[in-house]
Amino acid sequence: MRVVIAGAGSVGRSIARELLSHGHTVTLVDRQPAAMRIASVADAEWQLADACEISSLAEAGVDSSDVVVAATGDDKANLVISLLAKTEFGVPRVVARVNNPKNEWMFDSAWGVDVPVSTPRIMTALVEEAVTIGDLVRIFSFHGSGTSLHEVTLAPGSAVAGRTARELDWGPGCFLSAIIRAGEAVPADPDERLVAGDRLVLVLSEQADPAALQRLVAPAPAAT
């Protein structure tokens, strides 16, 4: 996969190293000479240029890339880069960094963004995941589709534990995507029996009822 990353700061370089370690081809673009720390990601291609300009994106090979990542520290720049990548070059997938959570509402398909990444939102989800068992936690939303990814850890005593995925009525617009058990991903087979401690990864569409789903997976009321 060919990936162009706009923004060669610590975030962009970290993403580049991860992608390179997975065998992908990466180009880093930044307009600041101080950001050209080529030795830190020696296997990437580097370009000193303003990614907000069409000519720079063309030179970086965006027209033949599979993914563009707008990872600068400036939300306005990330929106412009995303819009150009999608409208001028037809990049299949555009991922954009959201620096200020107040700007998150703009990072949608109207600006060419397929996947907005807001660090505060991700950190909030991880904190909630760490301290809540039995509660449905939204991990992130797929903008433009009304679809979101949720996770819940089954508590001891949950009415869901001990039943197979096939036996459960998840409700409209809710799909069990994966099961994480003892640190390993388990396919969401309909005949897989769920157990306490399982982390269920669920995809919810606009038709789903999170409140009803929460009631389904919540621990059974204590006997009086």
Protein backbone atom coordinates (compact mmCIF):
# COMPACT_ATOMS: atom_id res chain seq x y z
CA MET A 1 0.00 0.00 0.00
CA ARG A 2 1.26 3.48 -0.85
CA VAL A 3 0.67 6.16 1.79
CA VAL A 4 1.40 9.88 1.70
CA ILE A 5 1.64 11.58 5.10
CA ALA A 6 1.37 15.36 5.25
CA GLY A 7 3.13 16.56 8.37
CA ALA A 8 6.50 15.18 9.43
CA GLY A 9 6.25 16.06 13.10
CA SER A 10 6.36 13.46 15.84
CA VAL A 11 2.89 12.19 14.93
CA GLY A 12 3.60 11.88 11.22
CA ARG A 13 6.96 10.20 11.78
CA SER A 14 5.46 7.72 14.25
CA ILE A 15 2.75 6.77 11.77
CA ALA A 16 5.36 6.42 9.02
CA ARG A 17 7.53 4.08 11.10
CA GLU A 18 4.57 1.86 11.92
CA LEU A 19 3.45 1.66 8.29
CA LEU A 20 6.97 0.95 7.06
CA SER A 21 7.33 -1.86 9.59
CA HIS A 22 4.20 -3.39 8.05
CA GLY A 23 5.72 -3.32 4.58
CA HIS A 24 3.98 -0.25 3.16
CA THR A 25 5.53 2.51 1.06
CA VAL A 26 5.47 5.92 2.74
CA THR A 27 6.16 9.49 1.62
CA LEU A 28 6.46 12.24 4.24
CA VAL A 29 5.71 15.82 3.19
CA ASP A 30 6.39 18.92 5.28
CA ARG A 31 7.03 22.56 4.48
CA GLN A 32 9.35 23.19 7.44
CA PRO A 33 13.06 22.49 6.83
CA ALA A 34 13.43 21.72 10.56
CA ALA A 35 11.00 18.83 10.12
CA MET A 36 13.26 17.10 7.58
CA ARG A 37 14.66 14.63 10.11
CA ILE A 38 15.29 12.09 7.41
CA ALA A 39 17.54 9.84 9.48
CA SER A 40 14.68 9.26 11.94
CA VAL A 41 12.61 7.52 9.24
CA ALA A 42 15.28 6.63 6.73
CA ASP A 43 13.18 4.17 4.74
CA ALA A 44 10.51 6.76 3.88
CA GLU A 45 10.56 9.10 0.93
CA TRP A 46 10.81 12.74 2.00
CA GLN A 47 9.61 15.93 0.34
CA LEU A 48 10.11 19.52 1.49
CA ALA A 49 6.94 21.19 0.25
CA ASP A 50 3.62 22.71 1.27
CA ALA A 51 1.04 19.91 1.18
CA CYS A 52 -1.74 22.51 0.89
CA GLU A 53 -0.65 23.10 -2.71
CA ILE A 54 -1.87 20.86 -5.54
CA SER A 55 1.57 20.84 -7.19
CA SER A 56 3.20 19.55 -4.01
CA LEU A 57 0.68 16.75 -3.64
CA ALA A 58 1.16 15.81 -7.27
CA GLU A 59 4.93 15.71 -6.82
CA ALA A 60 4.48 13.48 -3.78
CA GLY A 61 2.56 10.99 -5.91
CA VAL A 62 -0.81 11.44 -4.27
CA ASP A 63 -2.51 10.52 -7.54
CA SER A 64 -1.19 6.97 -7.18
CA SER A 65 -1.52 6.65 -3.41
CA ASP A 66 -3.98 4.42 -1.59
CA VAL A 67 -4.19 6.55 1.53
CA VAL A 68 -3.40 10.15 2.43
CA VAL A 69 -2.88 11.05 6.09
CA ALA A 70 -3.25 14.73 7.00
CA ALA A 71 -1.23 14.77 10.21
CA THR A 72 -0.11 18.35 10.64
CA GLY A 73 -0.64 20.31 13.84
CA ASP A 74 -2.94 22.76 12.05
CA ASP A 75 -6.59 21.76 11.61
CA LYS A 76 -7.10 24.24 8.76
CA ALA A 77 -4.20 22.71 6.85
CA ASN A 78 -5.47 19.19 7.50
CA LEU A 79 -8.88 20.09 6.08
CA VAL A 80 -7.38 21.66 2.96
CA ILE A 81 -5.08 18.68 2.40
CA SER A 82 -7.98 16.26 2.83
CA LEU A 83 -10.20 18.17 0.42
CA LEU A 84 -7.50 18.36 -2.26
CA ALA A 85 -6.58 14.69 -1.87
CA LYS A 86 -10.19 13.61 -2.33
CA THR A 87 -11.48 16.08 -4.94
CA GLU A 88 -8.37 16.70 -7.05
CA PHE A 89 -6.75 13.27 -6.88
CA GLY A 90 -9.58 10.89 -5.93
CA VAL A 91 -7.61 9.23 -3.13
CA PRO A 92 -9.61 6.21 -1.92
CA ARG A 93 -9.03 6.83 1.78
CA VAL A 94 -8.21 10.06 3.58
CA VAL A 95 -7.36 10.06 7.28
CA ALA A 96 -7.15 13.42 9.07
CA ARG A 97 -5.81 14.41 12.45
CA VAL A 98 -8.10 16.60 14.58
CA ASN A 99 -6.02 18.79 16.87
CA ASN A 100 -8.80 20.82 18.46
CA PRO A 101 -11.88 18.79 19.49
CA LYS A 102 -14.04 21.87 18.82
CA ASN A 103 -13.25 21.48 15.12
CA GLU A 104 -14.22 17.81 14.92
CA TRP A 105 -17.62 18.55 13.38
CA MET A 106 -15.92 19.85 10.22
CA PHE A 107 -13.92 16.70 9.60
CA ASP A 108 -16.43 14.87 7.43
CA SER A 109 -17.01 13.86 3.81
CA ALA A 110 -17.74 17.47 2.81
CA TRP A 111 -14.06 18.15 3.40
CA GLY A 112 -12.93 14.85 1.90
CA VAL A 113 -12.27 13.17 5.25
CA ASP A 114 -13.04 9.47 5.48
CA VAL A 115 -11.64 8.92 8.97
CA PRO A 116 -11.12 11.75 11.48
CA VAL A 117 -8.75 10.93 14.33
CA SER A 118 -9.22 12.96 17.49
CA THR A 119 -6.64 12.12 20.15
CA PRO A 120 -8.79 13.43 23.04
CA ARG A 121 -11.72 11.27 21.93
CA ILE A 122 -9.53 8.17 21.59
CA MET A 123 -7.96 8.77 25.00
CA THR A 124 -11.40 9.25 26.54
CA ALA A 125 -12.55 5.96 25.04
CA LEU A 126 -9.47 4.17 26.33
CA VAL A 127 -9.97 5.61 29.82
CA GLU A 128 -13.62 4.55 29.82
CA GLU A 129 -12.62 1.11 28.57
CA ALA A 130 -10.14 0.76 31.40
CA VAL A 131 -12.55 1.65 34.18
CA THR A 132 -15.89 0.35 32.99
CA ILE A 133 -17.01 -3.25 32.76
CA GLY A 134 -20.46 -3.96 31.43
CA ASP A 135 -20.82 -0.48 29.92
CA LEU A 136 -21.07 0.13 26.20
CA VAL A 137 -18.24 2.44 25.12
CA ARG A 138 -18.12 4.21 21.77
CA ILE A 139 -14.64 3.94 20.29
CA PHE A 140 -15.18 6.13 17.22
CA SER A 141 -17.65 7.06 14.50
CA PHE A 142 -17.38 6.58 10.75
CA HIS A 143 -18.27 10.06 9.57
CA GLY A 144 -20.66 10.32 6.67
CA SER A 145 -22.27 6.95 7.29
CA GLY A 146 -23.87 7.29 10.72
CA THR A 147 -22.05 4.12 11.73
CA SER A 148 -19.99 3.78 14.90
CA LEU A 149 -17.75 1.22 16.57
CA HIS A 150 -18.49 0.26 20.17
CA GLU A 151 -16.96 -2.07 22.71
CA VAL A 152 -18.24 -3.69 25.87
CA THR A 153 -16.57 -6.02 28.36
CA LEU A 154 -18.98 -8.64 29.63
CA ALA A 155 -19.25 -8.49 33.40
CA PRO A 156 -19.67 -11.58 35.57
CA GLY A 157 -23.38 -12.24 35.84
CA SER A 158 -24.21 -10.70 32.48
CA ALA A 159 -27.26 -12.30 30.93
CA VAL A 160 -25.30 -12.52 27.68
CA ALA A 161 -22.55 -14.71 29.16
CA GLY A 162 -23.03 -18.39 28.47
CA ARG A 163 -25.13 -17.81 25.36
CA THR A 164 -24.08 -18.03 21.74
CA ALA A 165 -24.07 -15.01 19.47
CA ARG A 166 -26.78 -16.69 17.41
CA GLU A 167 -29.11 -16.90 20.40
CA LEU A 168 -28.98 -13.16 21.05
CA ASP A 169 -31.18 -10.50 19.52
CA TRP A 170 -28.78 -7.60 19.03
CA GLY A 171 -31.55 -5.44 17.61
CA PRO A 172 -31.72 -3.67 14.25
CA GLY A 173 -28.55 -2.08 12.95
CA CYS A 174 -26.22 -3.84 15.42
CA PHE A 175 -23.60 -6.38 14.34
CA LEU A 176 -21.08 -8.31 16.39
CA SER A 177 -17.76 -7.74 14.63
CA ALA A 178 -15.22 -9.51 16.83
CA ILE A 179 -14.60 -11.00 20.24
CA ILE A 180 -11.40 -10.28 22.17
CA ARG A 181 -10.71 -13.03 24.68
CA ALA A 182 -7.58 -13.30 26.83
CA GLY A 183 -5.87 -10.78 24.60
CA GLU A 184 -6.59 -12.69 21.40
CA ALA A 185 -9.13 -11.88 18.70
CA VAL A 186 -11.79 -14.54 18.22
CA PRO A 187 -13.98 -14.60 15.08
CA ALA A 188 -17.55 -13.56 15.74
CA ASP A 189 -18.93 -16.96 14.82
CA PRO A 190 -22.70 -17.20 15.45
CA ASP A 191 -22.15 -20.42 17.42
CA GLU A 192 -19.37 -18.99 19.59
CA ARG A 193 -20.42 -19.08 23.23
CA LEU A 194 -19.73 -15.80 25.03
CA VAL A 195 -18.13 -15.77 28.47
CA ALA A 196 -17.62 -13.18 31.20
CA GLY A 197 -14.55 -11.08 30.47
CA ASP A 198 -15.05 -11.19 26.71
CA ARG A 199 -14.63 -7.81 25.02
CA LEU A 200 -17.25 -7.54 22.30
CA VAL A 201 -16.58 -5.25 19.34
CA LEU A 202 -19.88 -4.09 17.84
CA VAL A 203 -20.74 -2.05 14.77
CA LEU A 204 -23.84 0.12 15.16
CA SER A 205 -25.68 1.85 12.34
CA GLU A 206 -28.11 4.75 12.70
CA GLN A 207 -30.95 2.24 13.19
CA ALA A 208 -29.35 0.76 16.30
CA ASP A 209 -30.60 1.52 19.80
CA PRO A 210 -27.54 1.86 22.10
CA ALA A 211 -29.74 2.05 25.19
CA ALA A 212 -31.43 -1.27 24.34
CA LEU A 213 -28.05 -2.83 23.61
CA GLN A 214 -26.73 -1.58 26.95
CA ARG A 215 -29.64 -3.27 28.70
CA LEU A 216 -28.90 -6.48 26.84
CA VAL A 217 -25.24 -6.72 27.88
CA ALA A 218 -25.55 -5.26 31.38
CA PRO A 219 -25.01 -7.48 34.43
CA ALA A 220 -28.12 -9.18 35.72
CA PRO A 221 -29.71 -7.40 38.71
CA ALA A 222 -28.50 -8.68 42.05
CA ALA A 223 -30.91 -11.02 43.83
CA THR A 224 -32.68 -9.56 46.85
